[in-house]
Amino acid sequence: MDEVILSPLLKDLAKHVKEEGEAAEDLRQALNGIIGRYKLHPSVVISLLARISAAYIQLTQKVYDKQNADEVVEEDFQNFLTASLTSIDMSEFNAELEKRQNGNLN
């Protein structure tokens, strides 16, 4: 069996994954407050998130450049984004499937 090789970023994430959940919820609520306050269109929200993400990607690359791993930061970010989108899609799919199954049982 092949060994899975994790990037330094993923290794660090594994060490701090507990912090991610609560922080993500706080960040989501703060962002929703800003969206409501400024009545932002979804296109503006996506643009802002891209700008903020780009800035944090560059900051993170500086940290991991010391480990000669800065080039994988963008790739890891893309993988995180894809995994998050897939997770949401699967949650919606599972909810719809459960709804249909419950409808067939009644």
Protein backbone atom coordinates (compact mmCIF):
# COMPACT_ATOMS: atom_id res chain seq x y z
CA MET A 1 0.00 0.00 0.00
CA ASP A 2 1.34 3.42 -0.93
CA GLU A 3 2.19 5.86 1.83
CA VAL A 4 0.19 9.08 1.84
CA ILE A 5 2.48 12.08 1.90
CA LEU A 6 0.96 15.16 3.47
CA SER A 7 2.12 18.67 2.81
CA PRO A 8 3.35 20.71 5.78
CA LEU A 9 0.14 22.74 5.60
CA LEU A 10 -2.02 19.62 5.90
CA LYS A 11 0.11 18.29 8.75
CA ASP A 12 -0.37 21.56 10.60
CA LEU A 13 -4.10 21.56 9.88
CA ALA A 14 -4.38 18.09 11.39
CA LYS A 15 -2.82 19.46 14.59
CA HIS A 16 -5.26 22.38 14.75
CA VAL A 17 -8.45 20.95 13.26
CA LYS A 18 -10.46 21.47 16.48
CA GLU A 19 -9.93 25.21 16.20
CA GLU A 20 -11.29 25.21 12.66
CA GLY A 21 -14.92 24.33 13.40
CA GLU A 22 -15.68 26.99 15.96
CA ALA A 23 -13.68 29.63 14.14
CA ALA A 24 -15.45 28.84 10.86
CA GLU A 25 -18.83 29.36 12.52
CA ASP A 26 -17.72 32.65 14.10
CA LEU A 27 -16.33 33.82 10.77
CA ARG A 28 -19.53 32.82 8.95
CA GLN A 29 -21.66 34.77 11.41
CA ALA A 30 -19.41 37.83 11.19
CA LEU A 31 -19.47 37.67 7.39
CA ASN A 32 -23.26 37.34 7.37
CA GLY A 33 -23.45 40.43 9.58
CA ILE A 34 -21.29 42.39 7.13
CA ILE A 35 -23.30 41.12 4.16
CA GLY A 36 -26.50 42.27 5.85
CA ARG A 37 -25.11 45.61 6.95
CA TYR A 38 -23.87 46.52 3.46
CA LYS A 39 -26.61 44.57 1.62
CA LEU A 40 -23.93 42.92 -0.50
CA HIS A 41 -24.81 41.13 -3.70
CA PRO A 42 -23.53 37.52 -3.85
CA SER A 43 -21.10 38.46 -6.65
CA VAL A 44 -19.50 41.02 -4.33
CA VAL A 45 -19.26 38.48 -1.51
CA ILE A 46 -17.45 35.97 -3.76
CA SER A 47 -15.09 38.71 -4.95
CA LEU A 48 -14.33 39.77 -1.38
CA LEU A 49 -13.71 36.19 -0.29
CA ALA A 50 -11.33 35.71 -3.23
CA ARG A 51 -9.39 38.87 -2.32
CA ILE A 52 -9.18 37.90 1.33
CA SER A 53 -8.22 34.32 0.46
CA ALA A 54 -5.50 35.51 -1.92
CA ALA A 55 -4.01 37.71 0.79
CA TYR A 56 -3.99 34.86 3.31
CA ILE A 57 -2.60 32.43 0.74
CA GLN A 58 0.33 34.76 0.14
CA LEU A 59 0.86 35.24 3.86
CA THR A 60 0.76 31.48 4.39
CA GLN A 61 3.17 30.93 1.50
CA LYS A 62 5.69 33.15 3.26
CA VAL A 63 5.46 30.94 6.35
CA TYR A 64 5.83 27.70 4.38
CA ASP A 65 8.52 29.10 2.06
CA LYS A 66 10.93 28.44 4.92
CA GLN A 67 10.08 24.75 4.51
CA ASN A 68 10.31 24.94 0.69
CA ALA A 69 6.59 24.14 0.55
CA ASP A 70 5.09 27.47 -0.45
CA GLU A 71 4.14 26.15 -3.91
CA VAL A 72 1.75 23.59 -2.39
CA VAL A 73 -0.22 26.18 -0.41
CA GLU A 74 -2.32 27.22 -3.42
CA GLU A 75 -2.88 23.60 -4.37
CA ASP A 76 -3.94 22.73 -0.82
CA PHE A 77 -6.30 25.72 -0.82
CA GLN A 78 -7.89 24.50 -4.07
CA ASN A 79 -8.25 21.04 -2.52
CA PHE A 80 -9.87 22.52 0.61
CA LEU A 81 -12.30 24.48 -1.58
CA THR A 82 -13.16 21.44 -3.68
CA ALA A 83 -13.63 19.29 -0.58
CA SER A 84 -15.89 21.91 1.00
CA LEU A 85 -18.04 22.20 -2.13
CA THR A 86 -18.28 18.42 -2.38
CA SER A 87 -19.25 18.16 1.28
CA ILE A 88 -22.06 20.69 0.81
CA ASP A 89 -23.25 18.89 -2.34
CA MET A 90 -23.26 15.55 -0.53
CA SER A 91 -25.13 17.00 2.45
CA GLU A 92 -27.80 18.39 0.14
CA PHE A 93 -27.96 15.10 -1.76
CA ASN A 94 -28.29 13.09 1.45
CA ALA A 95 -31.01 15.41 2.76
CA GLU A 96 -32.96 15.06 -0.49
CA LEU A 97 -32.49 11.29 -0.48
CA GLU A 98 -33.70 11.06 3.12
CA LYS A 99 -36.69 13.28 2.29
CA ARG A 100 -37.64 11.01 -0.60
CA GLN A 101 -37.17 7.86 1.47
CA ASN A 102 -39.33 9.27 4.25
CA GLY A 103 -41.96 10.25 1.69
CA ASN A 104 -42.03 6.71 0.33
CA LEU A 105 -42.41 5.26 3.82
CA ASN A 106 -45.48 7.36 4.66
